C-alpha cells in the first residue's frame, strides 16, 4: 500500500529536480465544469438490474463532471458521468465532438461511468434495452462539459494524497459448499461454487473469494490563490443503491465536497467527483458480520467524503507537475457459445420470444446466448494510462476485480497508482482466471460481459506497459 507520507516525499523529489526548472517555463492550468445530464423525457428505461425497468420520477439530478489539465505541453481531460455504463461508440462520438471544439486530442480524453444503477440506459445490458432518447442526448452533454472545462482553465496548483475507508467496502462474492451456489445453464459455466451476496450467518458460505481495496485517492486543483477548482477521487465500492433516477452516493459525495470547498467564483464553481475504482467483486455488506449494519447512500457518501477530506488536509501543492497520457487499442477474444448451447437456447425461448421480453434470469441468459452467437468473436477495447507527476492512473473499460487493481498498484512504475473502471466503454466483468473457475454471476456469459478467461491478465499486462510508457522520462 502507498502511504500519504511516501506520496509527499516522492512529489518533493520532483519539485526539487525537473519540475522546478520546467515550472519556470510553463504555466500549469486547470479548469472544471459540471453539466446537467438528467433525462429530459420520462419515463426512462433504466439498466443495472437483471430485468428492464421504466422509471417515471427523478430523485436527484444526474451530471457530467469534467476536469481539463494542461502543463503547457500536454492537455488532458478526465470526465465522469452519472451512468451505469456507456458503450465505446457513444463515448467516441462525444470525444470527437469535444476534440473538434477544444483541440484536446481524443486519445487524451478519459470518460468513465460512476456505475450508479439508477440512470437511463445507453447500452443494452442483460434484460434491458436502450433508452433511445437519452442515448441521443448524452454525447452532446459530455462534449459540452469538456468544452466548458477547457474554457474555464486558469493558472493552477495541484497536489494529491491517499485516504482510506475500510468501513464501506467488502467482498460480495463467496465460495459456497458444493451444490449450493446458483447455477445458470445458459451462462457458460458448470458446477458453480461462487455466489454473490450469500447473506449473513449462512452455514453454506465458506469464505470470501477475493480482496477489497479501501484506498481513496484525492487529487486537488486550486487557483494560485488557494481557491478550489476541482476535487477528483475514486473508491472501489460497486454502488450504494438509490430509487428512481439518481446519481446515488457518487452525486451525494460530490455535493458534500463542493459545499465544504466552495470556489468563491459563481461563474466557475468547485467540481468534485468520485470515480468507480476496482469494485467488480465488492459491495457494502460485510457477510463476515452476524447481522447487517445500517447503511445507505447518504451514510456512504458522508463516510467516504470524510475520509477523502482527511487526506485532503495533508496535501502539499505544486505550481507545476508533468502530465502524460498514453492510449492503446487491444483486441480481446470472446467466450463464445457452442452450437449446442445456441440450439438449446433457441428451443427454450421459442414459446415467448415473439410476444414479450424475458422475465427470469434463465430467460435473460438464454436470449443473451442467441444474441452473442451472432456477434463478432473478438472485442476491441481501449486502455489508457495517465501520469500526473509521481501519480499514475489506469483506465479500463471493464468491471475490474479489486485484486486486479491491487496487483496493478503493486507492479506500477509510479509511486502511487489507482485504476478507474468502466472507462472509455463497457465490456463487462474481467474476473482473474482462477475466479472464472469458481463460476457465479460475474463469470456468466452475456453480450455485455463475455471477454475470454484470460482477458484479465492480458489487460493487466498491457495496462502496466502503458503506465511505463506514460511515466517515461520527466520533462
Protein backbone atom coordinates (compact mmCIF):
# COMPACT_ATOMS: atom_id res chain seq x y z
CA UNK A 1 0.00 0.00 0.00
CA UNK A 2 1.16 3.56 -0.73
CA UNK A 3 1.07 5.91 2.26
CA UNK A 4 0.46 9.64 2.16
CA UNK A 5 3.96 10.28 3.53
CA UNK A 6 5.50 8.35 0.66
CA UNK A 7 3.43 10.35 -1.81
CA UNK A 8 4.62 13.60 -0.31
CA UNK A 9 8.28 12.63 -0.27
CA UNK A 10 8.05 11.43 -3.86
CA UNK A 11 6.49 14.66 -5.03
CA UNK A 12 9.17 16.60 -3.16
CA UNK A 13 11.82 14.86 -5.25
CA UNK A 14 10.08 16.08 -8.40
CA UNK A 15 9.78 19.59 -7.03
CA UNK A 16 13.50 19.95 -6.45
CA UNK A 17 14.51 18.40 -9.75
CA UNK A 18 12.94 18.61 -13.20
CA UNK A 19 9.68 20.22 -12.12
CA UNK A 20 11.29 23.30 -10.66
CA UNK A 21 13.09 24.06 -13.89
CA UNK A 22 10.12 23.24 -16.12
CA UNK A 23 7.68 25.26 -13.99
CA UNK A 24 9.70 28.37 -14.73
CA UNK A 25 8.97 27.94 -18.44
CA UNK A 26 5.40 26.59 -18.45
CA UNK A 27 2.26 27.52 -16.54
CA UNK A 28 0.13 24.68 -15.18
CA UNK A 29 -3.55 25.34 -15.90
CA UNK A 30 -6.75 23.61 -14.86
CA UNK A 31 -10.45 24.10 -15.50
CA UNK A 32 -13.56 22.22 -14.45
CA UNK A 33 -17.24 22.10 -15.35
CA UNK A 34 -20.44 20.37 -14.32
CA UNK A 35 -23.22 19.89 -16.89
CA UNK A 36 -26.70 18.57 -16.16
CA UNK A 37 -27.42 15.14 -17.62
CA UNK A 38 -30.84 14.49 -16.09
CA UNK A 39 -33.17 12.90 -18.66
CA UNK A 40 -35.41 15.41 -20.41
CA UNK A 41 -38.10 12.83 -21.11
CA UNK A 42 -39.82 10.40 -18.75
CA UNK A 43 -40.44 7.58 -18.29
CA UNK A 44 -36.89 6.44 -18.92
CA UNK A 45 -35.51 2.94 -19.37
CA UNK A 46 -33.05 2.18 -16.56
CA UNK A 47 -30.50 -0.63 -16.57
CA UNK A 48 -28.34 -2.14 -13.83
CA UNK A 49 -30.77 -4.92 -12.92
CA UNK A 50 -31.45 -8.30 -14.46
CA UNK A 51 -34.72 -7.06 -15.99
CA UNK A 52 -35.70 -3.79 -17.63
CA UNK A 53 -37.21 -1.01 -15.52
CA UNK A 54 -39.25 2.01 -16.56
CA UNK A 55 -38.76 4.96 -14.19
CA UNK A 56 -41.10 7.94 -14.10
CA UNK A 57 -39.55 10.14 -11.38
CA UNK A 58 -36.27 11.97 -10.81
CA UNK A 59 -34.99 11.64 -7.26
CA UNK A 60 -31.91 13.83 -7.77
CA UNK A 61 -30.15 15.22 -10.85
CA UNK A 62 -27.53 13.46 -12.95
CA UNK A 63 -24.39 15.24 -14.13
CA UNK A 64 -21.36 15.07 -16.36
CA UNK A 65 -18.30 16.34 -14.48
CA UNK A 66 -15.15 17.27 -16.39
CA UNK A 67 -11.66 18.46 -15.49
CA UNK A 68 -9.09 19.68 -18.02
CA UNK A 69 -5.42 19.91 -17.03
CA UNK A 70 -2.64 21.49 -19.10
CA UNK A 71 1.06 21.51 -18.18
CA UNK A 72 1.98 23.77 -21.09
CA UNK A 73 2.86 20.86 -23.37
CA UNK A 74 0.20 18.22 -22.75
CA UNK A 75 -3.51 18.81 -22.23
CA UNK A 76 -5.80 16.07 -20.89
CA UNK A 77 -9.45 15.77 -19.87
CA UNK A 78 -10.88 13.49 -17.19
CA UNK A 79 -14.66 13.11 -17.30
CA UNK A 80 -17.12 11.29 -15.04
CA UNK A 81 -20.74 10.60 -15.99
CA UNK A 82 -23.60 9.59 -13.69
CA UNK A 83 -24.38 6.43 -15.64
CA UNK A 84 -24.33 2.68 -15.07
CA UNK A 85 -22.15 2.09 -18.12
CA UNK A 86 -21.66 3.57 -21.58
CA UNK A 87 -20.68 1.93 -24.88
CA UNK A 88 -17.49 2.80 -26.69
CA UNK A 89 -19.22 4.14 -29.82
CA UNK A 90 -21.22 6.69 -27.80
CA UNK A 91 -18.09 7.86 -25.98
CA UNK A 92 -16.05 8.02 -29.18
CA UNK A 93 -18.76 10.30 -30.60
CA UNK A 94 -18.57 12.59 -27.56
CA UNK A 95 -14.77 12.66 -27.72
CA UNK A 96 -14.80 13.59 -31.41
CA UNK A 97 -17.20 16.48 -30.72
CA UNK A 98 -15.10 17.74 -27.82
CA UNK A 99 -11.81 17.36 -29.69
CA UNK A 100 -13.14 19.42 -32.60
CA UNK A 101 -14.16 22.26 -30.26
CA UNK A 102 -11.21 22.24 -27.83
CA UNK A 103 -8.20 20.90 -29.67
CA UNK A 104 -7.74 18.25 -26.98
CA UNK A 105 -6.71 15.03 -28.74
CA UNK A 106 -9.40 12.34 -28.46
CA UNK A 107 -6.81 9.93 -27.08
CA UNK A 108 -6.18 12.41 -24.26
CA UNK A 109 -9.80 12.28 -23.08
CA UNK A 110 -10.85 9.78 -20.40
CA UNK A 111 -14.60 9.29 -19.89
CA UNK A 112 -15.91 6.88 -17.26
CA UNK A 113 -19.23 5.92 -15.68
CA UNK A 114 -19.88 6.05 -11.95
CA UNK A 115 -21.83 2.78 -12.25
CA UNK A 116 -24.90 4.06 -10.46
CA UNK A 117 -27.78 1.65 -11.11
CA UNK A 118 -30.34 4.44 -11.36
CA UNK A 119 -29.64 6.25 -14.64
CA UNK A 120 -31.17 5.92 -18.11
CA UNK A 121 -29.80 3.08 -20.20
CA UNK A 122 -27.50 3.90 -23.11
CA UNK A 123 -26.32 0.30 -23.59
CA UNK A 124 -28.24 -2.97 -23.85
CA UNK A 125 -27.36 -5.00 -20.75
CA UNK A 126 -28.94 -8.35 -19.87
CA UNK A 127 -32.74 -7.88 -19.94
CA UNK A 128 -32.63 -4.12 -20.53
CA UNK A 129 -32.65 -2.28 -23.83
CA UNK A 130 -31.53 1.24 -24.71
CA UNK A 131 -33.45 4.44 -23.98
CA UNK A 132 -33.12 5.92 -27.48
CA UNK A 133 -33.98 9.49 -26.48
CA UNK A 134 -31.36 9.56 -23.74
CA UNK A 135 -28.80 7.85 -25.95
CA UNK A 136 -29.16 10.73 -28.42
CA UNK A 137 -28.97 13.35 -25.64
CA UNK A 138 -25.96 12.21 -23.60
CA UNK A 139 -22.99 12.57 -26.03
CA UNK A 140 -23.67 16.28 -26.50
CA UNK A 141 -23.76 16.85 -22.74
CA UNK A 142 -20.45 15.06 -22.32
CA UNK A 143 -18.85 17.15 -25.06
CA UNK A 144 -20.33 20.32 -23.54
CA UNK A 145 -18.77 19.56 -20.15
CA UNK A 146 -15.34 19.09 -21.72
CA UNK A 147 -15.70 22.30 -23.72
CA UNK A 148 -16.71 24.29 -20.64
CA UNK A 149 -13.90 22.83 -18.52
CA UNK A 150 -11.43 23.75 -21.23
CA UNK A 151 -12.81 27.30 -21.41
CA UNK A 152 -12.57 27.59 -17.60
CA UNK A 153 -8.83 26.90 -17.50
CA UNK A 154 -6.75 29.20 -15.33
CA UNK A 155 -3.31 29.07 -13.70
CA UNK A 156 -3.49 26.41 -11.02
CA UNK A 157 -1.63 24.45 -8.42
CA UNK A 158 -2.03 20.71 -7.90
CA UNK A 159 -1.50 18.17 -5.14
CA UNK A 160 -2.61 14.69 -4.23
CA UNK A 161 -2.85 12.30 -1.29
CA UNK A 162 -4.34 8.94 -0.34
CA UNK A 163 -7.20 8.41 2.08
CA UNK A 164 -8.76 5.19 3.30
CA UNK A 165 -12.21 3.91 4.27
CA UNK A 166 -12.40 0.27 5.34
CA UNK A 167 -15.98 0.50 6.61
CA UNK A 168 -17.91 0.71 3.36
CA UNK A 169 -16.28 -1.96 1.21
CA UNK A 170 -16.35 -5.75 1.47
CA UNK A 171 -16.19 -8.75 -0.84
CA UNK A 172 -19.64 -9.67 -2.13
CA UNK A 173 -18.55 -12.93 -3.82
CA UNK A 174 -18.19 -16.01 -1.62
CA UNK A 175 -17.14 -19.63 -2.03
CA UNK A 176 -20.03 -21.92 -1.16
CA UNK A 177 -20.31 -25.59 -0.29
CA UNK A 178 -20.66 -27.86 -3.30
CA UNK A 179 -24.09 -27.90 -4.90
CA UNK A 180 -25.29 -24.74 -3.13
CA UNK A 181 -24.35 -21.81 -5.38
CA UNK A 182 -26.90 -20.74 -8.01
CA UNK A 183 -26.25 -22.16 -11.46
CA UNK A 184 -27.16 -20.91 -14.91
CA UNK A 185 -27.37 -23.41 -17.74
CA UNK A 186 -27.11 -20.61 -20.31
CA UNK A 187 -24.26 -18.74 -18.61
CA UNK A 188 -21.41 -20.87 -19.91
CA UNK A 189 -20.44 -22.33 -16.51
CA UNK A 190 -20.97 -25.65 -14.75
CA UNK A 191 -20.95 -26.69 -11.10
CA UNK A 192 -20.69 -23.10 -9.85
CA UNK A 193 -19.05 -22.70 -6.45
CA UNK A 194 -19.19 -18.90 -6.07
CA UNK A 195 -22.24 -16.92 -5.02
CA UNK A 196 -22.77 -13.18 -4.93
CA UNK A 197 -24.39 -11.90 -1.70
CA UNK A 198 -24.62 -15.14 0.34
CA UNK A 199 -26.28 -13.33 3.25
CA UNK A 200 -25.36 -13.22 6.92
CA UNK A 201 -24.82 -16.33 9.04
CA UNK A 202 -25.16 -18.59 6.01
CA UNK A 203 -23.91 -22.06 7.06
CA UNK A 204 -23.18 -22.90 3.43
CA UNK A 205 -20.82 -19.94 2.94
CA UNK A 206 -17.16 -20.94 3.31
CA UNK A 207 -15.09 -17.82 2.67
CA UNK A 208 -14.71 -14.69 0.59
CA UNK A 209 -13.22 -15.32 -2.83
CA UNK A 210 -11.36 -12.03 -3.16
CA UNK A 211 -9.93 -8.89 -1.60
CA UNK A 212 -11.00 -5.29 -1.03
CA UNK A 213 -9.23 -2.04 -1.78
CA UNK A 214 -10.22 0.66 0.74
CA UNK A 215 -7.95 3.38 -0.68
CA UNK A 216 -9.39 6.78 -1.60
CA UNK A 217 -7.05 8.78 -3.85
CA UNK A 218 -7.58 12.54 -3.82
CA UNK A 219 -6.38 15.00 -6.48
CA UNK A 220 -6.90 18.65 -5.60
CA UNK A 221 -6.70 21.52 -8.07
CA UNK A 222 -6.73 25.10 -6.81
CA UNK A 223 -6.15 28.58 -8.13
CA UNK A 224 -2.77 30.06 -7.26
CA UNK A 225 -4.62 32.00 -4.55
CA UNK A 226 -5.80 28.73 -2.97
CA UNK A 227 -9.43 28.70 -4.17
CA UNK A 228 -10.78 25.28 -5.13
CA UNK A 229 -11.16 24.39 -8.80
CA UNK A 230 -11.69 20.63 -8.69
CA UNK A 231 -11.53 17.63 -6.37
CA UNK A 232 -11.09 14.22 -8.00
CA UNK A 233 -11.32 10.93 -6.14
CA UNK A 234 -12.17 7.25 -6.56
CA UNK A 235 -13.39 4.38 -4.38
CA UNK A 236 -13.61 0.65 -5.08
CA UNK A 237 -17.19 0.01 -3.95
CA UNK A 238 -19.76 -1.05 -6.53
CA UNK A 239 -22.62 1.38 -5.74
CA UNK A 240 -24.94 2.02 -2.79
CA UNK A 241 -28.40 1.93 -4.37
CA UNK A 242 -30.97 4.65 -4.95
CA UNK A 243 -34.60 4.98 -6.06
CA UNK A 244 -35.87 6.31 -9.39
CA UNK A 245 -33.41 8.48 -11.36
CA UNK A 246 -30.49 9.21 -9.05
CA UNK A 247 -26.73 9.80 -9.01
CA UNK A 248 -26.55 7.52 -5.94
CA UNK A 249 -23.80 8.14 -3.38
CA UNK A 250 -21.47 9.40 -6.12
CA UNK A 251 -23.58 12.53 -6.53
CA UNK A 252 -24.04 12.98 -2.79
CA UNK A 253 -20.27 12.74 -2.25
CA UNK A 254 -19.70 15.44 -4.86
CA UNK A 255 -22.26 17.68 -3.20
CA UNK A 256 -20.65 17.32 0.22
CA UNK A 257 -17.19 18.19 -1.09
CA UNK A 258 -18.45 21.10 -3.19
CA UNK A 259 -20.24 22.55 -0.16
CA UNK A 260 -17.16 22.23 2.05
CA UNK A 261 -14.76 23.61 -0.57
CA UNK A 262 -16.52 26.46 -2.40
CA UNK A 263 -14.57 28.14 -5.17
CA UNK A 264 -15.74 31.64 -4.35
CA UNK A 265 -16.37 32.16 -8.06
CA UNK A 266 -20.02 31.85 -9.11
CA UNK A 267 -19.02 31.52 -12.74
CA UNK A 268 -16.60 28.69 -12.01
CA UNK A 269 -17.87 26.65 -9.05
CA UNK A 270 -15.91 23.80 -7.49
CA UNK A 271 -16.37 20.50 -9.33
CA UNK A 272 -15.98 17.33 -7.24
CA UNK A 273 -16.20 13.77 -8.48
CA UNK A 274 -15.63 10.23 -7.27
CA UNK A 275 -14.99 7.58 -9.91
CA UNK A 276 -15.57 3.86 -9.58
CA UNK A 277 -12.30 2.12 -8.77
CA UNK A 278 -11.91 -1.66 -8.95
CA UNK A 279 -15.20 -2.87 -7.48
CA UNK A 280 -16.18 -5.80 -9.69
CA UNK A 281 -16.44 -8.13 -6.70
CA UNK A 282 -17.08 -5.71 -3.84
CA UNK A 283 -20.07 -4.00 -2.25
CA UNK A 284 -21.16 -2.51 1.09
CA UNK A 285 -22.32 -5.56 3.00
CA UNK A 286 -19.74 -7.47 5.04
CA UNK A 287 -21.09 -11.00 5.26
CA UNK A 288 -18.49 -11.93 7.88
CA UNK A 289 -20.66 -9.99 10.32
CA UNK A 290 -23.52 -11.62 12.18
CA UNK A 291 -26.03 -9.04 11.04
CA UNK A 292 -26.42 -6.17 8.61
CA UNK A 293 -25.07 -2.85 9.81
CA UNK A 294 -27.08 0.24 8.97
CA UNK A 295 -26.02 1.93 5.74
CA UNK A 296 -27.49 3.76 2.77
CA UNK A 297 -26.24 6.08 0.06
CA UNK A 298 -26.25 9.01 2.48
CA UNK A 299 -24.09 7.30 5.11
CA UNK A 300 -21.68 6.03 2.46
CA UNK A 301 -21.29 9.49 0.94
CA UNK A 302 -20.67 11.03 4.36
CA UNK A 303 -18.11 8.40 5.40
CA UNK A 304 -16.18 8.42 2.14
CA UNK A 305 -16.23 12.22 1.92
CA UNK A 306 -14.89 12.46 5.48
CA UNK A 307 -12.04 10.08 4.65
CA UNK A 308 -11.28 12.00 1.46
CA UNK A 309 -11.27 15.33 3.29
CA UNK A 310 -8.91 13.92 5.91
CA UNK A 311 -6.47 13.05 3.12
CA UNK A 312 -7.08 16.44 1.51
CA UNK A 313 -5.79 18.09 4.66
CA UNK A 314 -2.35 16.50 4.15
CA UNK A 315 -1.83 17.70 0.56
CA UNK A 316 1.22 19.75 -0.44
CA UNK A 317 0.69 21.79 -3.60
CA UNK A 318 2.89 22.41 -6.60
CA UNK A 319 2.54 25.05 -9.26
CA UNK A 320 3.64 22.62 -11.95
CA UNK A 321 3.67 18.85 -12.43
CA UNK A 322 4.34 16.96 -15.67
CA UNK A 323 1.40 15.37 -17.48
CA UNK A 324 1.42 12.47 -19.91
CA UNK A 325 -1.31 10.24 -21.34
CA UNK A 326 -0.99 7.06 -23.38
CA UNK A 327 -3.69 5.00 -25.08
CA UNK A 328 -3.74 1.55 -26.67
CA UNK A 329 -6.40 -0.42 -28.50
CA UNK A 330 -6.42 -4.10 -27.63
CA UNK A 331 -8.24 -6.95 -29.40
CA UNK A 332 -9.60 -9.46 -26.90
CA UNK A 333 -11.19 -12.84 -27.57
CA UNK A 334 -14.77 -13.58 -26.54
CA UNK A 335 -16.18 -16.62 -24.73
CA UNK A 336 -18.49 -17.82 -27.48
CA UNK A 337 -21.44 -20.20 -27.01
CA UNK A 338 -21.28 -23.60 -28.68
CA UNK A 339 -23.72 -24.65 -31.38
CA UNK A 340 -25.38 -26.97 -28.87
CA UNK A 341 -25.85 -24.12 -26.37
CA UNK A 342 -27.36 -21.88 -29.04
CA UNK A 343 -29.74 -24.63 -30.18
CA UNK A 344 -30.89 -25.26 -26.60
CA UNK A 345 -31.43 -21.52 -26.06
CA UNK A 346 -33.43 -21.17 -29.28
CA UNK A 347 -35.71 -24.01 -28.25
CA UNK A 348 -36.12 -22.54 -24.76
CA UNK A 349 -37.20 -19.08 -25.98
CA UNK A 350 -39.35 -20.19 -28.90
CA UNK A 351 -42.64 -20.10 -26.97
CA UNK A 352 -42.38 -16.47 -25.82
CA UNK A 353 -39.70 -14.55 -27.72
CA UNK A 354 -42.09 -13.08 -30.29
CA UNK A 355 -44.56 -11.90 -27.65
CA UNK A 356 -42.62 -10.42 -24.73
CA UNK A 357 -39.33 -9.60 -23.08
CA UNK A 358 -37.58 -12.04 -20.72
CA UNK A 359 -38.99 -12.32 -17.21
CA UNK A 360 -36.46 -14.52 -15.42
CA UNK A 361 -32.70 -14.87 -15.13
CA UNK A 362 -32.81 -18.09 -17.14
CA UNK A 363 -34.79 -16.40 -19.90
CA UNK A 364 -32.39 -13.45 -19.96
CA UNK A 365 -29.32 -15.63 -20.41
CA UNK A 366 -30.99 -17.85 -22.99
CA UNK A 367 -31.68 -14.78 -25.10
CA UNK A 368 -28.16 -13.49 -24.45
CA UNK A 369 -26.76 -16.77 -25.76
CA UNK A 370 -28.58 -16.31 -29.05
CA UNK A 371 -27.63 -12.64 -29.40
CA UNK A 372 -23.98 -13.29 -28.57
CA UNK A 373 -23.77 -16.10 -31.13
CA UNK A 374 -24.44 -13.55 -33.90
CA UNK A 375 -21.79 -11.05 -32.74
CA UNK A 376 -18.05 -10.86 -33.56
CA UNK A 377 -15.75 -13.28 -31.77
CA UNK A 378 -13.42 -10.52 -30.56
CA UNK A 379 -13.82 -7.08 -28.99
CA UNK A 380 -11.61 -4.04 -29.50
CA UNK A 381 -11.16 -2.25 -26.20
CA UNK A 382 -9.30 0.93 -25.23
CA UNK A 383 -6.84 1.16 -22.35
CA UNK A 384 -5.39 4.44 -21.06
CA UNK A 385 -2.65 5.47 -18.66
CA UNK A 386 -2.16 8.94 -17.17
CA UNK A 387 0.85 10.46 -15.48
CA UNK A 388 0.44 13.36 -13.05
CA UNK A 389 3.87 13.81 -11.54
CA UNK A 390 4.53 10.67 -9.50
CA UNK A 391 0.89 9.57 -9.66
CA UNK A 392 -0.25 7.02 -12.23
CA UNK A 393 -3.87 6.44 -13.24
CA UNK A 394 -5.05 3.45 -15.27
CA UNK A 395 -8.34 3.34 -17.18
CA UNK A 396 -10.03 0.05 -18.11
CA UNK A 397 -13.42 -0.35 -19.88
CA UNK A 398 -14.50 -3.22 -17.64
CA UNK A 399 -15.80 -4.09 -14.21
CA UNK A 400 -12.46 -4.86 -12.59
CA UNK A 401 -11.98 -7.05 -9.53
CA UNK A 402 -10.24 -5.50 -6.51
CA UNK A 403 -7.38 -8.00 -6.63
CA UNK A 404 -6.61 -6.83 -10.17
CA UNK A 405 -6.47 -3.22 -9.05
CA UNK A 406 -4.22 -4.11 -6.12
CA UNK A 407 -1.90 -6.02 -8.45
CA UNK A 408 -1.68 -3.03 -10.80
CA UNK A 409 -0.75 -0.84 -7.82
CA UNK A 410 1.92 -3.31 -6.75
CA UNK A 411 3.66 -3.54 -10.11
CA UNK A 412 3.08 0.01 -11.37
CA UNK A 413 6.22 2.06 -12.07
CA UNK A 414 4.66 5.02 -10.24
CA UNK A 415 5.00 5.72 -6.54
CA UNK A 416 1.20 5.78 -6.30
CA UNK A 417 -1.39 4.38 -8.70
CA UNK A 418 -5.11 3.83 -8.94
CA UNK A 419 -7.41 2.39 -11.60
CA UNK A 420 -10.71 3.71 -12.94
CA UNK A 421 -13.20 1.10 -14.18
CA UNK A 422 -15.83 1.37 -16.92
CA UNK A 423 -13.73 3.97 -18.72
CA UNK A 424 -14.00 4.57 -22.47
CA UNK A 425 -16.51 1.78 -22.95
CA UNK A 426 -18.24 -1.11 -21.22
CA UNK A 427 -17.08 -4.67 -21.86
CA UNK A 428 -18.21 -6.44 -18.71
CA UNK A 429 -16.55 -8.24 -15.84
CA UNK A 430 -12.97 -9.46 -16.16
CA UNK A 431 -12.51 -12.00 -13.35
CA UNK A 432 -8.98 -13.36 -12.95
CA UNK A 433 -8.71 -16.89 -14.43
CA UNK A 434 -8.90 -18.58 -11.02
CA UNK A 435 -12.17 -16.74 -10.37
CA UNK A 436 -13.61 -17.97 -13.67
CA UNK A 437 -13.04 -21.50 -12.38
CA UNK A 438 -15.43 -20.83 -9.48
CA UNK A 439 -18.32 -19.69 -11.69
CA UNK A 440 -21.00 -17.41 -10.30
CA UNK A 441 -22.82 -14.37 -11.67
CA UNK A 442 -19.75 -12.30 -12.51
CA UNK A 443 -18.48 -15.10 -14.78
CA UNK A 444 -21.77 -15.78 -16.57
CA UNK A 445 -21.55 -15.08 -20.29
CA UNK A 446 -23.64 -12.34 -21.92
CA UNK A 447 -23.14 -9.91 -24.81
CA UNK A 448 -22.26 -7.23 -22.24
CA UNK A 449 -19.83 -9.46 -20.32
CA UNK A 450 -18.13 -12.05 -22.48
CA UNK A 451 -14.38 -11.48 -22.67
CA UNK A 452 -12.20 -14.58 -22.53
CA UNK A 453 -10.98 -16.37 -19.43
CA UNK A 454 -7.51 -14.88 -19.85
CA UNK A 455 -8.64 -11.34 -20.61
CA UNK A 456 -7.74 -10.12 -17.11
CA UNK A 457 -4.02 -10.99 -17.19
CA UNK A 458 -3.76 -9.67 -20.76
CA UNK A 459 -5.40 -6.36 -19.88
CA UNK A 460 -3.36 -6.02 -16.70
CA UNK A 461 -0.09 -6.65 -18.55
CA UNK A 462 -0.92 -4.18 -21.31
CA UNK A 463 -2.00 -1.50 -18.83
CA UNK A 464 1.23 -1.86 -16.86
CA UNK A 465 3.13 -1.43 -20.14
CA UNK A 466 1.11 1.73 -20.84
CA UNK A 467 1.89 3.05 -17.36
CA UNK A 468 5.58 2.52 -18.10
CA UNK A 469 5.20 4.49 -21.33
CA UNK A 470 3.27 7.26 -19.60
CA UNK A 471 5.90 7.56 -16.89
CA UNK A 472 8.67 7.90 -19.46
CA UNK A 473 11.32 10.47 -18.67
CA UNK A 474 10.37 13.58 -16.71
CA UNK A 475 10.02 16.65 -18.90
